[in-house]
Amino acid sequence: MEAFALIPPEWTNQGIHAHKFCCPKCGASSLEAEKVWINRRSPVLTEERRRKWQEFYNCNCGCVWWAWSSDRPPTNLSKQDNNLT
């Protein structure tokens, strides 16, 4: 799986920082990306001493963007899991 590869894929070199957690070109969410890579080898510590990583996305519109893992919006996936039991 490319998302957790130790060496960054070549396509990440084109990445631009997205200040909102979506494609800066077309507004697509990270879930719509064709490729994903998470830079787990270089975490950054926040003021609260929590780790965050760069997450790179290759959007289906051709734009390559990255954002901090700490900027990811909350999901309702855990709520869906609770409904299954």
N, C-alpha and C. Protein backbone atom coordinates (compact mmCIF):
# COMPACT_ATOMS: atom_id res chain seq x y z
N MET A 1 0.85 -1.18 0.00
CA MET A 1 0.00 0.00 0.00
C MET A 1 0.89 1.23 0.00
N GLU A 2 0.69 2.10 -0.93
CA GLU A 2 1.53 3.28 -1.07
C GLU A 2 1.37 4.27 0.07
N ALA A 3 0.23 4.34 0.70
CA ALA A 3 -0.03 5.35 1.74
C ALA A 3 1.00 5.30 2.86
N PHE A 4 1.52 4.11 3.18
CA PHE A 4 2.44 3.97 4.29
C PHE A 4 3.86 3.62 3.85
N ALA A 5 4.18 3.84 2.59
CA ALA A 5 5.53 3.57 2.09
C ALA A 5 6.53 4.45 2.83
N LEU A 6 7.71 3.91 3.09
CA LEU A 6 8.73 4.68 3.80
C LEU A 6 9.33 5.79 2.95
N ILE A 7 9.44 5.54 1.67
CA ILE A 7 10.02 6.52 0.74
C ILE A 7 8.88 7.24 0.04
N PRO A 8 8.92 8.58 0.02
CA PRO A 8 7.82 9.31 -0.62
C PRO A 8 7.74 9.02 -2.12
N PRO A 9 6.53 8.81 -2.62
CA PRO A 9 6.36 8.62 -4.06
C PRO A 9 6.76 9.90 -4.82
N GLU A 10 7.19 9.72 -6.03
CA GLU A 10 7.64 10.85 -6.85
C GLU A 10 6.57 11.93 -7.00
N TRP A 11 5.30 11.55 -7.08
CA TRP A 11 4.23 12.52 -7.30
C TRP A 11 4.07 13.51 -6.14
N THR A 12 4.58 13.19 -4.95
CA THR A 12 4.44 14.10 -3.81
C THR A 12 5.30 15.36 -3.96
N ASN A 13 6.31 15.31 -4.84
CA ASN A 13 7.17 16.48 -5.06
C ASN A 13 6.40 17.68 -5.58
N GLN A 14 5.26 17.46 -6.20
CA GLN A 14 4.45 18.55 -6.77
C GLN A 14 3.47 19.14 -5.76
N GLY A 15 3.42 18.59 -4.54
CA GLY A 15 2.39 18.94 -3.58
C GLY A 15 2.40 20.40 -3.14
N ILE A 16 1.20 20.96 -3.05
CA ILE A 16 1.04 22.32 -2.52
C ILE A 16 0.24 22.22 -1.23
N HIS A 17 0.50 23.13 -0.31
CA HIS A 17 -0.17 23.12 0.99
C HIS A 17 -1.60 23.62 0.85
N ALA A 18 -2.53 22.79 1.23
CA ALA A 18 -3.95 23.18 1.23
C ALA A 18 -4.29 23.65 2.64
N HIS A 19 -4.78 24.86 2.77
CA HIS A 19 -5.08 25.41 4.09
C HIS A 19 -6.43 24.94 4.61
N LYS A 20 -7.29 24.44 3.73
CA LYS A 20 -8.50 23.74 4.14
C LYS A 20 -8.25 22.28 3.77
N PHE A 21 -8.87 21.34 4.45
CA PHE A 21 -8.58 19.93 4.22
C PHE A 21 -9.36 19.41 3.02
N CYS A 22 -9.04 20.00 1.86
CA CYS A 22 -9.64 19.58 0.59
C CYS A 22 -8.74 20.07 -0.53
N CYS A 23 -9.01 19.60 -1.72
CA CYS A 23 -8.21 20.01 -2.88
C CYS A 23 -8.36 21.51 -3.10
N PRO A 24 -7.26 22.24 -3.16
CA PRO A 24 -7.36 23.69 -3.36
C PRO A 24 -7.82 24.07 -4.78
N LYS A 25 -7.74 23.12 -5.71
CA LYS A 25 -8.12 23.42 -7.09
C LYS A 25 -9.61 23.17 -7.34
N CYS A 26 -10.12 22.00 -6.92
CA CYS A 26 -11.52 21.67 -7.24
C CYS A 26 -12.41 21.49 -6.01
N GLY A 27 -11.82 21.49 -4.81
CA GLY A 27 -12.60 21.36 -3.58
C GLY A 27 -12.96 19.94 -3.20
N ALA A 28 -12.44 18.94 -3.90
CA ALA A 28 -12.75 17.53 -3.59
C ALA A 28 -12.16 17.16 -2.22
N SER A 29 -12.84 16.26 -1.54
CA SER A 29 -12.36 15.83 -0.22
C SER A 29 -11.21 14.84 -0.38
N SER A 30 -10.54 14.58 0.72
CA SER A 30 -9.44 13.62 0.70
C SER A 30 -9.92 12.21 0.35
N LEU A 31 -11.19 11.92 0.61
CA LEU A 31 -11.75 10.60 0.30
C LEU A 31 -11.85 10.35 -1.20
N GLU A 32 -11.81 11.41 -1.99
CA GLU A 32 -11.93 11.29 -3.44
C GLU A 32 -10.58 11.20 -4.15
N ALA A 33 -9.49 11.24 -3.40
CA ALA A 33 -8.15 11.23 -3.99
C ALA A 33 -7.85 9.90 -4.66
N GLU A 34 -7.08 9.96 -5.75
CA GLU A 34 -6.66 8.75 -6.45
C GLU A 34 -5.51 8.06 -5.73
N LYS A 35 -4.62 8.85 -5.12
CA LYS A 35 -3.47 8.32 -4.40
C LYS A 35 -3.30 9.09 -3.09
N VAL A 36 -2.74 8.40 -2.09
CA VAL A 36 -2.50 9.00 -0.78
C VAL A 36 -1.14 8.55 -0.28
N TRP A 37 -0.42 9.48 0.38
CA TRP A 37 0.81 9.11 1.06
C TRP A 37 0.90 9.93 2.34
N ILE A 38 1.22 9.25 3.45
CA ILE A 38 1.33 9.90 4.74
C ILE A 38 2.80 9.88 5.16
N ASN A 39 3.33 11.05 5.44
CA ASN A 39 4.74 11.17 5.82
C ASN A 39 4.89 10.84 7.31
N ARG A 40 4.90 9.57 7.63
CA ARG A 40 4.97 9.11 9.02
C ARG A 40 6.38 9.14 9.59
N ARG A 41 7.37 9.38 8.75
CA ARG A 41 8.75 9.38 9.22
C ARG A 41 9.16 10.72 9.82
N SER A 42 8.40 11.77 9.58
CA SER A 42 8.77 13.10 10.07
C SER A 42 7.62 13.77 10.79
N PRO A 43 7.21 13.25 11.95
CA PRO A 43 6.12 13.91 12.67
C PRO A 43 6.57 15.25 13.25
N VAL A 44 5.62 16.13 13.44
CA VAL A 44 5.86 17.43 14.05
C VAL A 44 5.09 17.43 15.37
N LEU A 45 5.69 17.98 16.42
CA LEU A 45 5.01 18.07 17.70
C LEU A 45 4.28 19.40 17.81
N THR A 46 3.03 19.35 18.24
CA THR A 46 2.25 20.57 18.45
C THR A 46 2.57 21.14 19.83
N GLU A 47 2.00 22.28 20.12
CA GLU A 47 2.21 22.89 21.44
C GLU A 47 1.67 22.01 22.56
N GLU A 48 0.65 21.21 22.25
CA GLU A 48 0.08 20.29 23.24
C GLU A 48 0.84 18.96 23.29
N ARG A 49 2.00 18.91 22.63
CA ARG A 49 2.85 17.72 22.57
C ARG A 49 2.17 16.55 21.89
N ARG A 50 1.32 16.83 20.93
CA ARG A 50 0.70 15.79 20.10
C ARG A 50 1.42 15.77 18.76
N ARG A 51 1.45 14.61 18.14
CA ARG A 51 2.10 14.49 16.83
C ARG A 51 1.12 14.76 15.70
N LYS A 52 1.66 15.37 14.64
CA LYS A 52 0.89 15.53 13.42
C LYS A 52 1.81 15.22 12.25
N TRP A 53 1.20 14.79 11.13
CA TRP A 53 1.95 14.39 9.95
C TRP A 53 1.43 15.13 8.73
N GLN A 54 2.29 15.19 7.72
CA GLN A 54 1.85 15.68 6.41
C GLN A 54 1.15 14.53 5.71
N GLU A 55 -0.04 14.81 5.18
CA GLU A 55 -0.78 13.84 4.39
C GLU A 55 -0.87 14.39 2.97
N PHE A 56 -0.37 13.62 2.02
CA PHE A 56 -0.35 14.03 0.62
C PHE A 56 -1.47 13.33 -0.14
N TYR A 57 -2.13 14.08 -1.01
CA TYR A 57 -3.24 13.55 -1.81
C TYR A 57 -3.04 13.91 -3.27
N ASN A 58 -3.25 12.95 -4.15
CA ASN A 58 -3.22 13.17 -5.59
C ASN A 58 -4.68 13.14 -6.04
N CYS A 59 -5.24 14.31 -6.26
CA CYS A 59 -6.66 14.45 -6.58
C CYS A 59 -6.95 13.97 -8.00
N ASN A 60 -8.19 13.56 -8.23
CA ASN A 60 -8.57 13.12 -9.57
C ASN A 60 -8.59 14.26 -10.58
N CYS A 61 -8.50 15.52 -10.12
CA CYS A 61 -8.42 16.66 -11.05
C CYS A 61 -6.98 16.92 -11.50
N GLY A 62 -6.01 16.19 -10.91
CA GLY A 62 -4.61 16.34 -11.28
C GLY A 62 -3.79 17.16 -10.29
N CYS A 63 -4.44 17.80 -9.34
CA CYS A 63 -3.75 18.60 -8.34
C CYS A 63 -3.20 17.69 -7.24
N VAL A 64 -1.96 17.95 -6.83
CA VAL A 64 -1.37 17.25 -5.71
C VAL A 64 -1.31 18.23 -4.55
N TRP A 65 -1.90 17.85 -3.43
CA TRP A 65 -1.95 18.74 -2.28
C TRP A 65 -1.62 18.00 -1.00
N TRP A 66 -1.25 18.76 0.03
CA TRP A 66 -0.99 18.16 1.33
C TRP A 66 -1.58 19.05 2.41
N ALA A 67 -1.87 18.42 3.54
CA ALA A 67 -2.38 19.14 4.71
C ALA A 67 -1.90 18.40 5.95
N TRP A 68 -1.96 19.06 7.08
CA TRP A 68 -1.57 18.43 8.34
C TRP A 68 -2.66 17.48 8.80
N SER A 69 -2.26 16.35 9.36
CA SER A 69 -3.22 15.38 9.88
C SER A 69 -4.11 15.99 10.96
N SER A 70 -3.58 16.96 11.69
CA SER A 70 -4.35 17.61 12.76
C SER A 70 -5.46 18.51 12.21
N ASP A 71 -5.39 18.84 10.92
CA ASP A 71 -6.41 19.69 10.30
C ASP A 71 -7.56 18.88 9.71
N ARG A 72 -7.46 17.56 9.77
CA ARG A 72 -8.51 16.70 9.22
C ARG A 72 -9.81 16.94 9.98
N PRO A 73 -10.89 17.16 9.27
CA PRO A 73 -12.17 17.36 9.95
C PRO A 73 -12.66 16.07 10.59
N PRO A 74 -13.43 16.16 11.66
CA PRO A 74 -13.95 14.94 12.30
C PRO A 74 -14.89 14.20 11.35
N THR A 75 -14.95 12.89 11.51
CA THR A 75 -15.85 12.08 10.69
C THR A 75 -16.93 11.46 11.57
N ASN A 76 -17.93 10.92 10.94
CA ASN A 76 -18.98 10.23 11.68
C ASN A 76 -18.83 8.72 11.57
N LEU A 77 -17.65 8.23 11.22
CA LEU A 77 -17.43 6.80 11.05
C LEU A 77 -17.61 6.05 12.36
N SER A 78 -17.18 6.62 13.47
CA SER A 78 -17.34 5.91 14.75
C SER A 78 -18.82 5.81 15.11
N LYS A 79 -19.62 6.78 14.74
CA LYS A 79 -21.05 6.72 14.99
C LYS A 79 -21.69 5.60 14.16
N GLN A 80 -21.21 5.41 12.94
CA GLN A 80 -21.74 4.35 12.10
C GLN A 80 -21.42 2.98 12.70
N ASP A 81 -20.21 2.81 13.25
CA ASP A 81 -19.83 1.55 13.89
C ASP A 81 -20.73 1.24 15.07
N ASN A 82 -21.11 2.26 15.84
CA ASN A 82 -21.96 2.06 17.00
C ASN A 82 -23.35 1.60 16.59
N ASN A 83 -23.81 2.00 15.41
CA ASN A 83 -25.13 1.61 14.94
C ASN A 83 -25.19 0.15 14.49
N LEU A 84 -24.02 -0.45 14.25
CA LEU A 84 -23.98 -1.83 13.77
C LEU A 84 -24.18 -2.84 14.89
N THR A 85 -23.97 -2.43 16.12
CA THR A 85 -24.09 -3.39 17.23
C THR A 85 -25.46 -3.38 17.85
